[in-house]
Amino acid sequence: MQIGSSKCVVSAGSRLVALVGVNNLIVVDTPDAVLVCHKDSAQDIKKLQTLLVERGYEHLL
């Protein structure tokens, strides 16, 4: 559900995700975690992946 938002990509399964007044976001909701990322920063997801492994959260990948 989006109000006053545009160019957002949402993957949320059965859970409702509401976006209000935001643009150019990627939102991924899983049972274990939520990722919110500006589309311009999508290339940094690999850095986040490395950080998750370093901190012991590889089970979330």
N, C-alpha and C. Protein backbone atom coordinates (compact mmCIF):
# COMPACT_ATOMS: atom_id res chain seq x y z
N MET A 1 0.85 -1.17 0.00
CA MET A 1 0.00 0.00 0.00
C MET A 1 0.90 1.23 0.00
N GLN A 2 0.66 2.14 -0.93
CA GLN A 2 1.49 3.33 -1.04
C GLN A 2 0.62 4.59 -1.13
N ILE A 3 0.98 5.59 -0.35
CA ILE A 3 0.32 6.89 -0.40
C ILE A 3 1.42 7.94 -0.58
N GLY A 4 1.32 8.70 -1.64
CA GLY A 4 2.31 9.74 -1.88
C GLY A 4 3.71 9.20 -2.10
N SER A 5 3.81 7.96 -2.52
CA SER A 5 5.10 7.32 -2.76
C SER A 5 5.17 6.89 -4.22
N SER A 6 6.40 6.78 -4.73
CA SER A 6 6.54 6.34 -6.12
C SER A 6 7.85 5.60 -6.31
N LYS A 7 7.88 4.79 -7.35
CA LYS A 7 9.07 4.06 -7.77
C LYS A 7 9.65 3.20 -6.66
N CYS A 8 8.79 2.59 -5.85
CA CYS A 8 9.22 1.70 -4.78
C CYS A 8 8.95 0.26 -5.17
N VAL A 9 9.85 -0.62 -4.76
CA VAL A 9 9.69 -2.05 -4.98
C VAL A 9 9.52 -2.69 -3.61
N VAL A 10 8.44 -3.45 -3.43
CA VAL A 10 8.15 -4.07 -2.14
C VAL A 10 7.96 -5.56 -2.34
N SER A 11 8.66 -6.35 -1.53
CA SER A 11 8.47 -7.79 -1.49
C SER A 11 8.17 -8.14 -0.04
N ALA A 12 6.92 -8.51 0.23
CA ALA A 12 6.53 -8.69 1.62
C ALA A 12 5.74 -9.95 1.90
N GLY A 13 5.59 -10.83 0.93
CA GLY A 13 4.81 -12.03 1.20
C GLY A 13 3.39 -11.67 1.58
N SER A 14 2.94 -12.21 2.70
CA SER A 14 1.56 -11.98 3.12
C SER A 14 1.41 -10.79 4.07
N ARG A 15 2.52 -10.21 4.50
CA ARG A 15 2.45 -9.10 5.45
C ARG A 15 2.24 -7.78 4.72
N LEU A 16 1.41 -6.93 5.30
CA LEU A 16 1.14 -5.62 4.72
C LEU A 16 2.32 -4.69 5.00
N VAL A 17 2.79 -4.03 3.96
CA VAL A 17 3.81 -2.99 4.10
C VAL A 17 3.19 -1.71 3.55
N ALA A 18 3.18 -0.66 4.37
CA ALA A 18 2.61 0.62 3.96
C ALA A 18 3.73 1.64 3.80
N LEU A 19 3.75 2.30 2.65
CA LEU A 19 4.74 3.33 2.38
C LEU A 19 4.02 4.66 2.23
N VAL A 20 4.50 5.67 2.94
CA VAL A 20 3.88 6.99 2.90
C VAL A 20 4.97 8.03 2.64
N GLY A 21 4.83 8.73 1.53
CA GLY A 21 5.70 9.85 1.22
C GLY A 21 7.16 9.51 0.97
N VAL A 22 7.42 8.31 0.47
CA VAL A 22 8.80 7.93 0.16
C VAL A 22 8.92 7.56 -1.31
N ASN A 23 10.13 7.66 -1.84
CA ASN A 23 10.36 7.39 -3.25
C ASN A 23 11.62 6.57 -3.44
N ASN A 24 11.63 5.77 -4.49
CA ASN A 24 12.83 5.05 -4.91
C ASN A 24 13.39 4.12 -3.84
N LEU A 25 12.53 3.41 -3.13
CA LEU A 25 12.98 2.47 -2.11
C LEU A 25 12.79 1.04 -2.55
N ILE A 26 13.64 0.17 -2.01
CA ILE A 26 13.47 -1.27 -2.10
C ILE A 26 13.17 -1.74 -0.68
N VAL A 27 12.07 -2.47 -0.50
CA VAL A 27 11.69 -2.99 0.81
C VAL A 27 11.48 -4.49 0.66
N VAL A 28 12.24 -5.26 1.45
CA VAL A 28 12.10 -6.72 1.43
C VAL A 28 11.83 -7.17 2.86
N ASP A 29 10.68 -7.79 3.06
CA ASP A 29 10.27 -8.28 4.38
C ASP A 29 10.28 -9.80 4.34
N THR A 30 11.06 -10.42 5.24
CA THR A 30 11.09 -11.87 5.38
C THR A 30 10.70 -12.20 6.82
N PRO A 31 10.50 -13.46 7.14
CA PRO A 31 10.16 -13.80 8.52
C PRO A 31 11.24 -13.40 9.54
N ASP A 32 12.50 -13.31 9.09
CA ASP A 32 13.60 -13.04 10.01
C ASP A 32 14.12 -11.61 10.01
N ALA A 33 13.87 -10.87 8.94
CA ALA A 33 14.49 -9.54 8.83
C ALA A 33 13.74 -8.68 7.83
N VAL A 34 14.00 -7.38 7.92
CA VAL A 34 13.45 -6.41 6.97
C VAL A 34 14.62 -5.61 6.40
N LEU A 35 14.65 -5.48 5.08
CA LEU A 35 15.65 -4.66 4.40
C LEU A 35 14.94 -3.47 3.79
N VAL A 36 15.44 -2.26 4.08
CA VAL A 36 14.95 -1.04 3.44
C VAL A 36 16.17 -0.35 2.86
N CYS A 37 16.12 -0.11 1.56
CA CYS A 37 17.29 0.41 0.86
C CYS A 37 16.84 1.37 -0.23
N HIS A 38 17.51 2.50 -0.35
CA HIS A 38 17.25 3.39 -1.47
C HIS A 38 17.79 2.72 -2.73
N LYS A 39 17.07 2.84 -3.82
CA LYS A 39 17.50 2.20 -5.07
C LYS A 39 18.91 2.62 -5.47
N ASP A 40 19.30 3.84 -5.19
CA ASP A 40 20.64 4.31 -5.53
C ASP A 40 21.74 3.63 -4.72
N SER A 41 21.37 2.97 -3.62
CA SER A 41 22.34 2.30 -2.76
C SER A 41 22.29 0.78 -2.89
N ALA A 42 21.57 0.28 -3.86
CA ALA A 42 21.41 -1.16 -4.02
C ALA A 42 22.75 -1.88 -4.17
N GLN A 43 23.74 -1.22 -4.76
CA GLN A 43 25.05 -1.84 -4.92
C GLN A 43 25.72 -2.11 -3.58
N ASP A 44 25.30 -1.43 -2.52
CA ASP A 44 25.88 -1.62 -1.19
C ASP A 44 25.33 -2.85 -0.48
N ILE A 45 24.37 -3.53 -1.05
CA ILE A 45 23.82 -4.73 -0.42
C ILE A 45 24.91 -5.79 -0.27
N LYS A 46 25.85 -5.86 -1.18
CA LYS A 46 26.97 -6.80 -1.05
C LYS A 46 27.81 -6.47 0.19
N LYS A 47 27.99 -5.19 0.48
CA LYS A 47 28.71 -4.79 1.70
C LYS A 47 27.94 -5.22 2.94
N LEU A 48 26.62 -5.07 2.89
CA LEU A 48 25.78 -5.50 4.00
C LEU A 48 25.89 -7.01 4.19
N GLN A 49 25.90 -7.74 3.10
CA GLN A 49 26.04 -9.19 3.15
C GLN A 49 27.35 -9.58 3.86
N THR A 50 28.44 -8.93 3.53
CA THR A 50 29.72 -9.19 4.17
C THR A 50 29.66 -8.87 5.65
N LEU A 51 29.05 -7.75 6.01
CA LEU A 51 28.93 -7.35 7.40
C LEU A 51 28.09 -8.34 8.20
N LEU A 52 27.02 -8.84 7.61
CA LEU A 52 26.18 -9.83 8.30
C LEU A 52 26.98 -11.09 8.61
N VAL A 53 27.78 -11.55 7.67
CA VAL A 53 28.62 -12.74 7.90
C VAL A 53 29.64 -12.46 9.00
N GLU A 54 30.29 -11.31 8.95
CA GLU A 54 31.29 -10.95 9.96
C GLU A 54 30.71 -10.91 11.36
N ARG A 55 29.45 -10.53 11.48
CA ARG A 55 28.82 -10.39 12.80
C ARG A 55 28.00 -11.62 13.21
N GLY A 56 28.10 -12.69 12.42
CA GLY A 56 27.44 -13.94 12.81
C GLY A 56 25.99 -14.07 12.41
N TYR A 57 25.55 -13.29 11.45
CA TYR A 57 24.15 -13.33 11.01
C TYR A 57 23.99 -14.01 9.66
N GLU A 58 24.92 -14.92 9.30
CA GLU A 58 24.83 -15.55 7.98
C GLU A 58 23.56 -16.36 7.80
N HIS A 59 22.91 -16.76 8.90
CA HIS A 59 21.64 -17.50 8.79
C HIS A 59 20.53 -16.64 8.18
N LEU A 60 20.72 -15.33 8.14
CA LEU A 60 19.72 -14.45 7.55
C LEU A 60 19.87 -14.30 6.04
N LEU A 61 20.95 -14.80 5.50
CA LEU A 61 21.21 -14.66 4.06
C LEU A 61 20.51 -15.72 3.26
